[in-house]
Every structure is written in structure tokens, then in C-alpha cells.
N, C-alpha and C. Protein backbone atom coordinates (compact mmCIF):
# COMPACT_ATOMS: atom_id res chain seq x y z
N UNK A 1 16.12 63.89 175.05
CA UNK A 1 17.37 64.57 173.78
C UNK A 1 18.90 64.36 174.35
N UNK A 2 19.03 63.88 176.48
CA UNK A 2 19.99 63.33 176.34
C UNK A 2 20.68 62.19 175.64
N UNK A 3 19.21 61.12 175.17
CA UNK A 3 19.86 60.48 174.23
C UNK A 3 20.64 60.88 173.14
N UNK A 4 19.43 61.47 172.60
CA UNK A 4 19.89 61.79 170.99
C UNK A 4 20.99 62.61 171.48
N UNK A 5 21.71 63.66 171.85
CA UNK A 5 22.64 64.24 172.29
C UNK A 5 23.91 62.99 172.25
N UNK A 6 23.56 62.14 172.98
CA UNK A 6 24.97 60.73 173.19
C UNK A 6 24.95 60.33 171.93
N UNK A 7 23.52 59.44 170.76
CA UNK A 7 23.82 59.88 169.56
C UNK A 7 24.11 60.60 168.91
N UNK A 8 24.36 61.75 169.19
CA UNK A 8 25.15 63.09 168.28
C UNK A 8 26.42 62.58 168.09
N UNK A 9 26.70 62.42 169.56
CA UNK A 9 28.46 62.54 170.05
C UNK A 9 28.57 61.23 169.38
N UNK A 10 28.26 59.71 169.33
CA UNK A 10 28.66 58.66 168.84
C UNK A 10 29.30 58.40 167.50
N UNK A 11 27.71 59.36 166.99
CA UNK A 11 28.03 59.28 165.40
C UNK A 11 29.52 59.93 164.60
N UNK A 12 29.54 61.39 165.82
CA UNK A 12 30.77 62.35 165.50
C UNK A 12 31.68 61.46 165.83
N UNK A 13 32.08 61.01 166.94
CA UNK A 13 33.17 59.95 166.88
C UNK A 13 33.36 59.27 165.91
N UNK A 14 32.36 58.08 165.46
CA UNK A 14 32.81 57.05 163.96
C UNK A 14 32.78 58.33 162.98
N UNK A 15 32.05 58.99 162.98
CA UNK A 15 32.66 60.44 161.45
C UNK A 15 34.14 60.30 161.81
N UNK A 16 34.34 61.13 162.08
CA UNK A 16 35.79 61.33 163.09
C UNK A 16 36.72 60.07 162.37
N UNK A 17 36.44 59.06 163.25
CA UNK A 17 37.54 58.12 162.82
C UNK A 17 37.25 57.81 161.71
N UNK A 18 36.38 57.25 160.93
CA UNK A 18 36.76 56.87 159.79
C UNK A 18 36.56 58.35 158.54
N UNK A 19 37.05 59.54 158.93
CA UNK A 19 38.11 60.63 158.17
C UNK A 19 38.86 60.70 158.31
N UNK A 20 39.39 59.72 159.81
CA UNK A 20 41.10 59.18 159.80
C UNK A 20 41.22 58.16 159.37
N UNK A 21 40.61 57.09 158.90
CA UNK A 21 40.69 56.70 158.43
C UNK A 21 41.14 56.53 156.75
N UNK A 22 40.83 57.68 156.50
CA UNK A 22 40.14 57.74 154.55
C UNK A 22 41.79 58.73 154.82
N UNK A 23 41.44 59.27 155.59
CA UNK A 23 43.75 60.13 154.92
C UNK A 23 44.26 59.51 155.08
N UNK A 24 44.70 58.21 156.06
CA UNK A 24 45.70 57.64 155.61
C UNK A 24 45.94 57.02 154.82
N UNK A 25 44.33 55.92 154.59
CA UNK A 25 44.70 55.49 152.26
C UNK A 25 44.79 57.06 151.86
N UNK A 26 44.61 57.89 152.09
CA UNK A 26 44.64 58.77 150.83
C UNK A 26 45.94 58.89 150.90
N UNK A 27 46.92 59.41 151.94
CA UNK A 27 48.19 59.17 152.05
C UNK A 27 49.12 57.94 151.14
N UNK A 28 48.38 56.95 151.76
CA UNK A 28 49.18 55.87 150.91
C UNK A 28 49.14 55.29 149.63
N UNK A 29 47.43 55.96 148.82
CA UNK A 29 47.59 56.10 147.73
C UNK A 29 48.02 57.68 146.64
N UNK A 30 48.42 58.98 147.84
CA UNK A 30 49.66 59.55 147.08
C UNK A 30 51.01 59.14 147.08
N UNK A 31 51.61 58.16 148.42
CA UNK A 31 52.47 57.52 147.86
C UNK A 31 52.72 56.48 146.70
N UNK A 32 52.10 56.02 146.54
CA UNK A 32 51.67 55.15 145.30
C UNK A 32 52.21 55.62 144.50
N UNK A 33 51.61 56.57 144.09
CA UNK A 33 51.27 57.47 142.93
C UNK A 33 52.54 57.93 142.50
N UNK A 34 53.57 58.58 143.40
CA UNK A 34 54.21 58.90 143.10
C UNK A 34 55.21 57.87 143.14
N UNK A 35 54.83 57.27 143.47
CA UNK A 35 56.04 55.89 142.68
C UNK A 35 55.63 55.09 141.97
N UNK A 36 54.32 55.41 140.97
CA UNK A 36 54.39 55.52 139.36
C UNK A 36 54.12 56.46 138.78
N UNK A 37 54.08 55.82 137.10
CA UNK A 37 54.25 56.95 135.66
C UNK A 37 52.93 57.61 136.02
N UNK A 38 53.20 58.58 135.27
CA UNK A 38 51.64 59.22 135.20
C UNK A 38 51.72 59.25 133.56
N UNK A 39 50.66 58.46 133.31
CA UNK A 39 50.58 57.55 131.92
C UNK A 39 50.45 58.71 130.86
N UNK A 40 49.79 59.72 131.08
CA UNK A 40 49.18 60.52 129.91
C UNK A 40 50.31 61.29 129.96
N UNK A 41 51.66 61.65 131.05
CA UNK A 41 52.24 62.52 130.19
C UNK A 41 53.48 61.18 129.99
N UNK A 42 53.15 60.44 129.84
CA UNK A 42 54.35 59.41 129.41
C UNK A 42 54.30 59.52 128.20
N UNK A 43 52.99 58.98 128.25
CA UNK A 43 52.64 59.04 126.19
C UNK A 43 52.39 60.17 125.61
N UNK A 44 52.27 61.71 126.08
CA UNK A 44 52.69 62.81 125.68
C UNK A 44 54.41 62.96 125.23
N UNK A 45 55.25 62.71 126.80
CA UNK A 45 56.82 62.45 125.86
C UNK A 45 57.07 61.78 124.74
N UNK A 46 56.87 60.49 124.91
CA UNK A 46 56.40 58.84 123.71
C UNK A 46 56.53 59.52 122.65
N UNK A 47 54.94 61.05 122.07
CA UNK A 47 54.75 60.99 121.58
C UNK A 47 55.23 61.85 121.00
N UNK A 48 56.47 63.06 121.78
CA UNK A 48 57.37 64.12 121.58
C UNK A 48 58.47 63.48 120.69
N UNK A 49 59.11 62.91 121.48
CA UNK A 49 60.02 62.04 120.94
C UNK A 49 59.94 61.44 119.72
N UNK A 50 59.16 61.09 119.42
CA UNK A 50 59.14 60.30 118.28
C UNK A 50 58.56 61.11 117.25
N UNK A 51 57.75 61.80 117.23
CA UNK A 51 57.40 63.32 116.54
C UNK A 51 58.54 63.64 116.36
N UNK A 52 60.37 63.93 116.84
CA UNK A 52 60.92 64.57 116.72
C UNK A 52 62.20 63.57 115.87
N UNK A 53 61.79 62.51 115.63
CA UNK A 53 62.51 61.49 114.47
C UNK A 53 61.84 62.32 113.50
N UNK A 54 61.39 62.44 113.45
CA UNK A 54 60.45 62.94 111.75
C UNK A 54 60.24 62.33 110.75
N UNK A 55 60.04 60.76 111.00
CA UNK A 55 59.15 59.57 110.31
C UNK A 55 57.73 59.30 110.93
N UNK A 56 57.21 59.51 112.58
CA UNK A 56 56.81 58.96 113.07
C UNK A 56 55.93 58.35 112.11
N UNK A 57 55.14 57.52 112.64
CA UNK A 57 53.96 56.84 112.03
C UNK A 57 53.31 56.23 112.28
N UNK A 58 52.92 56.63 113.86
CA UNK A 58 51.79 56.73 115.14
C UNK A 58 52.12 57.03 116.53
N UNK A 59 51.17 57.48 116.63
CA UNK A 59 50.84 57.94 117.91
C UNK A 59 50.18 57.08 119.10
N UNK A 60 50.15 58.13 120.29
CA UNK A 60 49.71 56.59 121.40
C UNK A 60 48.45 58.15 121.54
N UNK A 61 47.13 57.62 122.27
CA UNK A 61 46.10 58.56 121.94
C UNK A 61 45.19 57.77 123.03
N UNK A 62 45.15 58.62 123.96
CA UNK A 62 44.83 57.61 125.02
C UNK A 62 42.99 57.61 124.71
N UNK A 63 42.61 56.55 125.13
CA UNK A 63 40.73 56.07 125.14
C UNK A 63 39.90 56.78 126.22
N UNK A 64 39.39 57.36 125.75
CA UNK A 64 38.39 58.33 126.68
C UNK A 64 37.68 58.29 127.16
N UNK A 65 36.95 56.69 126.72
CA UNK A 65 35.53 55.97 127.25
C UNK A 65 35.72 54.68 128.05
N UNK A 66 37.42 54.42 128.32
CA UNK A 66 37.07 53.31 128.92
C UNK A 66 36.89 53.33 130.44
N UNK A 67 36.79 51.98 130.42
CA UNK A 67 36.45 51.48 132.02
C UNK A 67 37.26 52.23 132.80
N UNK A 68 38.79 52.32 132.43
CA UNK A 68 39.74 52.20 133.55
C UNK A 68 40.78 53.45 132.95
N UNK A 69 41.59 53.91 133.74
CA UNK A 69 42.14 55.06 133.52
C UNK A 69 43.76 54.57 132.83
N UNK A 70 44.21 55.21 132.04
CA UNK A 70 45.10 54.58 131.21
C UNK A 70 45.54 53.48 130.04
N UNK A 71 44.28 53.48 129.54
CA UNK A 71 44.54 52.78 128.48
C UNK A 71 44.55 53.50 127.24
N UNK A 72 45.38 53.42 126.58
CA UNK A 72 45.97 53.60 124.61
C UNK A 72 45.55 52.88 124.06
N UNK A 73 45.76 53.40 122.80
CA UNK A 73 45.60 52.94 121.39
C UNK A 73 46.69 53.51 120.96
N UNK A 74 47.02 53.05 119.12
CA UNK A 74 47.73 53.23 118.50
C UNK A 74 47.00 53.89 117.56
N UNK A 75 47.41 55.05 116.85
CA UNK A 75 46.97 55.67 115.75
C UNK A 75 48.13 55.99 114.62
N UNK A 76 47.29 55.37 113.46
CA UNK A 76 48.38 55.77 112.11
C UNK A 76 48.61 57.30 111.86
N UNK A 77 49.50 57.48 111.26
CA UNK A 77 49.08 58.83 110.42
C UNK A 77 48.60 58.73 109.95
N UNK A 78 47.16 58.12 109.16
CA UNK A 78 46.03 58.08 108.51
C UNK A 78 44.98 58.93 109.79
N UNK A 79 45.48 58.45 110.66
CA UNK A 79 44.30 58.65 111.84
C UNK A 79 43.48 57.87 112.53
N UNK A 80 43.84 56.64 111.70
CA UNK A 80 42.71 55.35 112.09
C UNK A 80 43.48 54.68 113.05
N UNK A 81 43.07 54.22 113.63
CA UNK A 81 43.49 52.86 115.07
C UNK A 81 43.89 51.80 114.44
N UNK A 82 44.68 51.20 114.99
CA UNK A 82 45.98 50.47 114.45
C UNK A 82 46.06 49.58 115.45
N UNK A 83 45.81 47.91 115.18
CA UNK A 83 46.06 46.76 115.60
C UNK A 83 48.18 47.03 115.63
N UNK A 84 48.18 46.57 117.87
CA UNK A 84 49.34 46.40 117.60
C UNK A 84 50.12 45.65 117.12
N UNK A 85 49.73 44.27 116.73
CA UNK A 85 50.38 43.71 115.13
C UNK A 85 51.01 44.11 114.25
N UNK A 86 50.48 44.95 114.31
CA UNK A 86 51.07 45.95 112.88
C UNK A 86 52.01 46.93 113.77
N UNK A 87 52.78 47.09 114.41
CA UNK A 87 53.82 47.47 114.74
C UNK A 87 55.28 46.43 114.85
N UNK A 88 56.43 47.54 113.88
CA UNK A 88 57.19 46.18 114.04
C UNK A 88 57.93 46.04 115.32
N UNK A 89 58.51 45.12 115.42
CA UNK A 89 59.35 44.99 116.55
C UNK A 89 59.88 46.10 116.87
N UNK A 90 60.73 46.76 116.30
CA UNK A 90 61.49 48.17 116.30
C UNK A 90 60.80 48.76 116.88
N UNK A 91 59.40 49.27 116.54
CA UNK A 91 58.58 50.04 117.08
C UNK A 91 57.73 50.59 118.49
N UNK A 92 57.54 48.46 118.54
CA UNK A 92 57.32 47.91 119.60
C UNK A 92 59.17 48.52 120.84
N UNK A 93 59.88 48.15 120.55
CA UNK A 93 61.61 48.52 121.17
C UNK A 93 61.35 49.72 121.77
N UNK A 94 60.70 50.72 120.98
CA UNK A 94 61.50 52.19 121.36
C UNK A 94 60.03 52.93 122.22
N UNK A 95 59.23 52.56 121.94
CA UNK A 95 57.99 52.72 122.81
C UNK A 95 58.10 51.97 124.59
N UNK A 96 58.91 50.43 124.94
CA UNK A 96 59.08 50.16 125.59
C UNK A 96 60.10 50.82 126.53
N UNK A 97 61.15 50.80 125.38
CA UNK A 97 62.47 52.06 125.97
C UNK A 97 62.21 53.00 126.68
N UNK A 98 60.71 53.94 125.85
CA UNK A 98 60.65 55.64 126.44
C UNK A 98 59.91 54.88 127.29
N UNK A 99 58.59 54.53 127.54
CA UNK A 99 58.05 53.63 128.73
C UNK A 99 59.01 54.10 130.31
N UNK A 100 59.85 52.85 129.29
CA UNK A 100 61.11 53.14 130.78
C UNK A 100 61.70 53.82 131.59
N UNK A 101 62.29 54.89 130.50
CA UNK A 101 62.75 55.92 130.50
C UNK A 101 62.38 56.93 131.50
N UNK A 102 60.81 57.02 131.40
CA UNK A 102 60.43 57.79 131.85
C UNK A 102 59.40 57.39 132.77
N UNK A 103 59.65 56.29 133.28
CA UNK A 103 59.13 55.61 134.21
C UNK A 103 59.93 55.73 135.01
N UNK A 104 61.50 55.70 135.11
CA UNK A 104 62.94 55.86 135.24
C UNK A 104 62.70 57.36 136.59
N UNK A 105 62.31 58.16 135.05
CA UNK A 105 62.62 60.20 135.95
C UNK A 105 61.08 60.06 136.57
N UNK A 106 60.61 59.32 136.49
CA UNK A 106 58.92 59.68 137.15
C UNK A 106 58.83 59.20 138.62
N UNK A 107 59.66 58.49 139.26
CA UNK A 107 60.31 57.89 140.59
C UNK A 107 60.80 58.86 141.21
N UNK A 108 60.11 59.23 142.25
CA UNK A 108 60.16 60.24 143.44
C UNK A 108 61.38 59.76 144.28
N UNK A 109 61.14 58.31 144.08
CA UNK A 109 62.22 58.24 145.04
C UNK A 109 63.80 57.14 144.92
N UNK A 110 64.24 58.23 143.48
CA UNK A 110 65.70 58.10 143.43
C UNK A 110 66.61 57.96 144.51
N UNK A 111 66.81 58.99 144.88
CA UNK A 111 68.29 59.46 145.62
C UNK A 111 67.71 58.47 147.36
N UNK A 112 66.66 58.03 147.84
CA UNK A 112 66.64 57.14 148.79
C UNK A 112 67.07 55.28 148.62
N UNK A 113 66.47 55.04 147.00
CA UNK A 113 66.37 53.76 146.95
C UNK A 113 67.20 53.60 145.80
N UNK A 114 68.95 54.28 145.31
CA UNK A 114 68.90 53.44 144.31
C UNK A 114 68.93 52.43 143.52
N UNK A 115 69.24 52.21 142.20
CA UNK A 115 68.61 50.76 141.70
C UNK A 115 69.68 50.43 141.07
N UNK A 116 69.95 49.27 140.50
CA UNK A 116 70.21 48.09 139.41
C UNK A 116 69.54 48.45 138.40
N UNK A 117 70.55 48.63 137.37
CA UNK A 117 69.40 49.47 136.34
C UNK A 117 70.13 48.38 134.98
N UNK A 118 69.83 47.85 134.19
CA UNK A 118 70.23 46.98 133.24
C UNK A 118 69.67 47.18 131.42
N UNK A 119 69.98 47.37 130.61
CA UNK A 119 70.03 47.70 129.46
C UNK A 119 70.16 46.42 128.57
N UNK A 120 69.76 45.49 128.03
CA UNK A 120 70.15 44.73 127.18
C UNK A 120 70.53 44.25 125.86
N UNK A 121 70.64 45.26 125.26
CA UNK A 121 71.73 46.14 123.59
C UNK A 121 69.92 46.53 123.43
N UNK A 122 70.07 46.97 123.44
CA UNK A 122 68.40 48.18 123.18
C UNK A 122 68.60 48.98 122.14
N UNK A 123 69.35 48.12 121.44
CA UNK A 123 69.48 48.85 119.81
C UNK A 123 68.76 47.82 118.73
N UNK A 124 68.38 46.72 119.72
CA UNK A 124 68.06 45.51 118.67
C UNK A 124 66.89 46.37 117.91
N UNK A 125 67.11 45.81 116.17
CA UNK A 125 65.56 46.36 115.53
C UNK A 125 65.27 47.23 115.62
N UNK A 126 66.10 48.35 115.60
CA UNK A 126 65.74 49.46 115.74
C UNK A 126 66.30 50.16 114.10
N UNK A 127 65.66 51.45 113.71
CA UNK A 127 66.86 51.81 112.54
C UNK A 127 67.77 52.53 112.99
N UNK A 128 68.67 53.58 112.05
CA UNK A 128 68.94 54.21 112.65
C UNK A 128 68.54 55.72 113.77
N UNK A 129 67.66 56.21 112.69
CA UNK A 129 66.88 57.65 113.74
C UNK A 129 66.63 57.12 115.27
N UNK A 130 66.23 55.66 114.96
CA UNK A 130 65.83 55.48 116.75
C UNK A 130 67.08 55.06 117.53
N UNK A 131 68.38 54.30 116.74
CA UNK A 131 68.83 54.05 117.55
C UNK A 131 70.07 55.31 118.32
N UNK A 132 70.20 57.03 117.33
CA UNK A 132 70.51 57.96 117.60
C UNK A 132 70.01 58.42 118.94
N UNK A 133 68.08 58.02 118.63
CA UNK A 133 67.37 58.58 120.46
C UNK A 133 67.94 57.66 121.58
N UNK A 134 67.64 56.63 121.37
CA UNK A 134 68.31 55.54 122.12
C UNK A 134 69.82 56.23 123.19
N UNK A 135 70.29 56.33 122.34
CA UNK A 135 71.89 56.70 122.65
C UNK A 135 71.99 58.21 123.11
N UNK A 136 70.80 59.35 122.54
CA UNK A 136 70.86 60.49 123.40
C UNK A 136 70.21 60.09 125.22
N UNK A 137 68.89 59.54 124.90
CA UNK A 137 68.54 59.54 126.18
C UNK A 137 69.54 58.63 126.98
N UNK A 138 70.11 57.78 126.70
CA UNK A 138 71.00 57.13 127.45
C UNK A 138 72.07 57.91 128.47
N UNK A 139 72.23 58.65 127.45
CA UNK A 139 73.45 59.91 127.65
C UNK A 139 73.16 60.28 128.22
N UNK A 140 71.96 60.96 128.33
CA UNK A 140 71.29 62.11 129.29
C UNK A 140 70.97 60.75 130.68
N UNK A 141 71.52 60.06 130.32
CA UNK A 141 70.54 58.80 131.89
C UNK A 141 72.04 59.24 132.95
N UNK A 142 72.87 58.87 131.36
CA UNK A 142 74.09 58.25 132.34
C UNK A 142 75.06 59.67 133.28
N UNK A 143 74.95 60.90 132.50
CA UNK A 143 75.11 62.10 133.08
C UNK A 143 74.52 62.25 133.99
N UNK A 144 73.00 62.81 134.03
CA UNK A 144 72.89 63.09 135.20
C UNK A 144 72.46 61.66 136.48
N UNK A 145 73.10 60.69 136.86
CA UNK A 145 72.97 59.71 137.30
C UNK A 145 74.49 59.70 137.94
N UNK A 146 73.78 59.78 139.38
CA UNK A 146 74.86 60.16 140.51
C UNK A 146 74.57 58.83 141.69
N UNK A 147 73.49 57.81 141.93
CA UNK A 147 73.22 56.46 142.84
C UNK A 147 72.83 55.57 142.25
N UNK A 148 72.33 55.31 140.92
CA UNK A 148 71.57 54.14 140.05
C UNK A 148 73.62 53.28 139.67
N UNK A 149 73.04 52.58 139.70
CA UNK A 149 74.52 51.62 138.66
C UNK A 149 73.34 51.27 137.40
N UNK A 150 74.34 51.76 136.04
CA UNK A 150 73.97 50.90 135.24
C UNK A 150 74.83 50.53 134.20
N UNK A 151 74.62 49.12 133.42
CA UNK A 151 74.57 48.31 133.38
C UNK A 151 74.19 47.97 132.09
N UNK A 152 74.75 48.23 130.86
CA UNK A 152 74.73 48.51 129.49
C UNK A 152 74.90 47.45 128.64
N UNK A 153 74.52 46.23 127.77
CA UNK A 153 75.05 44.88 127.14
C UNK A 153 75.02 45.79 126.08
N UNK A 154 75.98 45.46 125.19
CA UNK A 154 75.84 45.90 123.67
C UNK A 154 76.41 44.74 123.10
N UNK A 155 76.46 45.11 121.26
CA UNK A 155 77.60 43.75 120.21
C UNK A 155 77.78 45.32 119.90
N UNK A 156 77.04 46.18 119.76
CA UNK A 156 77.48 47.66 119.10
C UNK A 156 78.73 48.23 119.01
N UNK A 157 79.41 48.23 118.53
CA UNK A 157 80.51 49.26 118.76
C UNK A 157 80.29 50.58 119.35
N UNK A 158 79.81 51.28 117.93
CA UNK A 158 79.11 52.19 117.80
C UNK A 158 78.53 52.88 119.40
N UNK A 159 77.54 52.00 119.35
CA UNK A 159 76.90 52.69 120.68
C UNK A 159 77.78 52.40 122.28
N UNK A 160 78.68 51.25 122.41
CA UNK A 160 79.16 51.41 123.07
C UNK A 160 80.20 52.54 123.33
N UNK A 161 81.22 53.08 122.08
CA UNK A 161 81.50 54.13 122.78
C UNK A 161 80.83 55.32 122.69
N UNK A 162 79.40 55.70 122.75
CA UNK A 162 78.71 56.82 122.92
C UNK A 162 77.34 56.88 124.25
N UNK A 163 78.12 55.36 124.45
CA UNK A 163 77.24 54.79 126.32
C UNK A 163 78.13 54.76 127.64
N UNK A 164 79.55 54.61 127.33
CA UNK A 164 80.07 54.46 127.99
C UNK A 164 80.50 55.67 128.85
N UNK A 165 80.61 55.17 130.10
CA UNK A 165 80.92 55.78 131.44
C UNK A 165 81.65 56.88 131.22
N UNK A 166 80.95 58.19 131.94
CA UNK A 166 82.08 59.58 131.34
C UNK A 166 82.67 59.63 129.61
N UNK A 167 81.74 59.35 128.74
CA UNK A 167 81.55 59.57 127.60
C UNK A 167 81.94 60.93 126.98
N UNK A 168 81.85 62.11 127.79
CA UNK A 168 81.53 63.20 127.52
C UNK A 168 82.89 64.07 127.99
N UNK A 169 83.45 63.69 129.13
CA UNK A 169 84.68 64.15 129.67
C UNK A 169 85.81 63.39 128.70
N UNK A 170 86.08 62.24 128.59
CA UNK A 170 87.98 62.47 128.32
C UNK A 170 87.23 61.27 127.35
N UNK A 171 87.58 61.28 126.18
CA UNK A 171 87.95 59.92 124.86
C UNK A 171 89.44 59.27 125.16
N UNK A 172 90.46 59.43 126.19
CA UNK A 172 91.42 58.61 126.14
C UNK A 172 91.08 57.30 126.59
N UNK A 173 91.37 55.84 125.89
CA UNK A 173 90.86 55.19 126.53
C UNK A 173 91.06 54.28 128.03
N UNK A 174 92.39 55.33 128.37
CA UNK A 174 93.34 54.94 129.50
C UNK A 174 91.74 55.20 130.76
N UNK A 175 91.36 56.07 130.50
CA UNK A 175 90.07 56.85 131.42
C UNK A 175 89.01 56.10 131.80
N UNK A 176 88.90 55.44 130.86
CA UNK A 176 87.37 54.53 131.10
C UNK A 176 87.49 53.35 130.87
N UNK A 177 88.79 52.97 130.75
CA UNK A 177 88.75 51.48 130.61
C UNK A 177 88.54 51.08 132.28
N UNK A 178 88.26 51.66 133.12
CA UNK A 178 88.77 50.90 134.50
C UNK A 178 86.96 51.42 134.77
N UNK A 179 86.38 52.10 134.25
CA UNK A 179 84.68 51.85 134.78
C UNK A 179 83.74 51.87 133.74
N UNK A 180 84.12 51.39 132.32
CA UNK A 180 83.62 50.92 131.34
C UNK A 180 84.04 49.54 130.87
N UNK A 181 83.93 48.02 131.27
CA UNK A 181 84.50 47.21 130.67
C UNK A 181 84.44 46.77 129.55
N UNK A 182 84.68 46.07 128.70
CA UNK A 182 84.33 45.75 127.52
C UNK A 182 84.84 44.53 126.97
N UNK A 183 83.39 43.77 126.99
CA UNK A 183 84.49 42.10 126.81
C UNK A 183 83.81 41.84 125.39
N UNK A 184 85.35 40.96 125.37
CA UNK A 184 84.98 40.89 123.61
C UNK A 184 86.34 39.13 124.27
N UNK A 185 85.75 38.43 122.69
CA UNK A 185 86.59 36.75 122.50
C UNK A 185 87.95 36.65 122.86
């Protein structure tokens, strides 16, 4: 009986040790999840924003039977699967841009770790409706940002005027020249 009780105690100690190790791993996993983007939420946000443009030619749809979570396919207006090769450069750019915006917003690590964020001519290859979506997303990002440094490079003067720092407060040139450099030849 003593031998059985000794084994029981030994296994209980081992069980509790492994349970503690599992809890530590689970905490690390939860921390990593907080730093990542929820793919389903991001895909829904991207689809909603594309739908608001009025001429959405595709949607992102989760692959249900995939071995791995987070796989998406592209469905056209006819509800048939489309190859990524059929998307225009502008369509690929807007999805990448919106995914990046979702990843910035989904990151709970914002206040403690300021970032340097660079946008290199995000208007390239996009039609007018997508350009306005990009401008409005960047305006929202600029307005709510208090810790990150944002750099936006562009050749588009309309885009520049609508995404410069504090564009919403004062339109006098002297007020934004100090914070929004404009480089020209």
C-alpha cells in the first residue's frame, strides 16, 4: 500500500509539473496571438471595405477544409473561385494595404512599443475609388496615432494634401510645413 501511495504521490507531482509547463506555454501562445492578426476578422473587414467601394469584383473566403487555419481563396462575383493571377495589380495592392492596416490595429502592443511605419506610394495601380479608400484609411490612422512615426512617400499631390500631418485642423501652409516635408526638384 505504501508503494502504491508513493507512486501516486510521484505521479501527482509529475502531473502538476506538466500542468504548470502547459500553462506557461499557453500564456506564451496567448501573448503571440495578441501580437498577430485574427485572419477571419481581417478578411471580414477587408471584404466589408471592398464592398463599400460599390464595385467589389471579388471576396476573400476562408477555406474550410484546409489542414491549416487562415487559408483563404478568392471568389468572383459569379461565386466561382478565382486564381490570384486574375487579380489586377491594384486589387492585390488594396488587399495588401488593408491587411497591413488591420495588422496595425490588431496589435495590442502599440502603447509600449512605438513603430516606424513607412508607406511607399500606396496609391500606385489603384483606381479612384480605391485611392479614396486608401486616403480615408490613412487619415484615420494619422488622426488616432500618438506614438508611432508615420512616413508616407508619394508623387500624387492630391494624396499628399489629404494625408499630411494635422490635415484636419489647419489648412494654412505655414502650419504644416514644419511637420510634413514636401520634397521637390
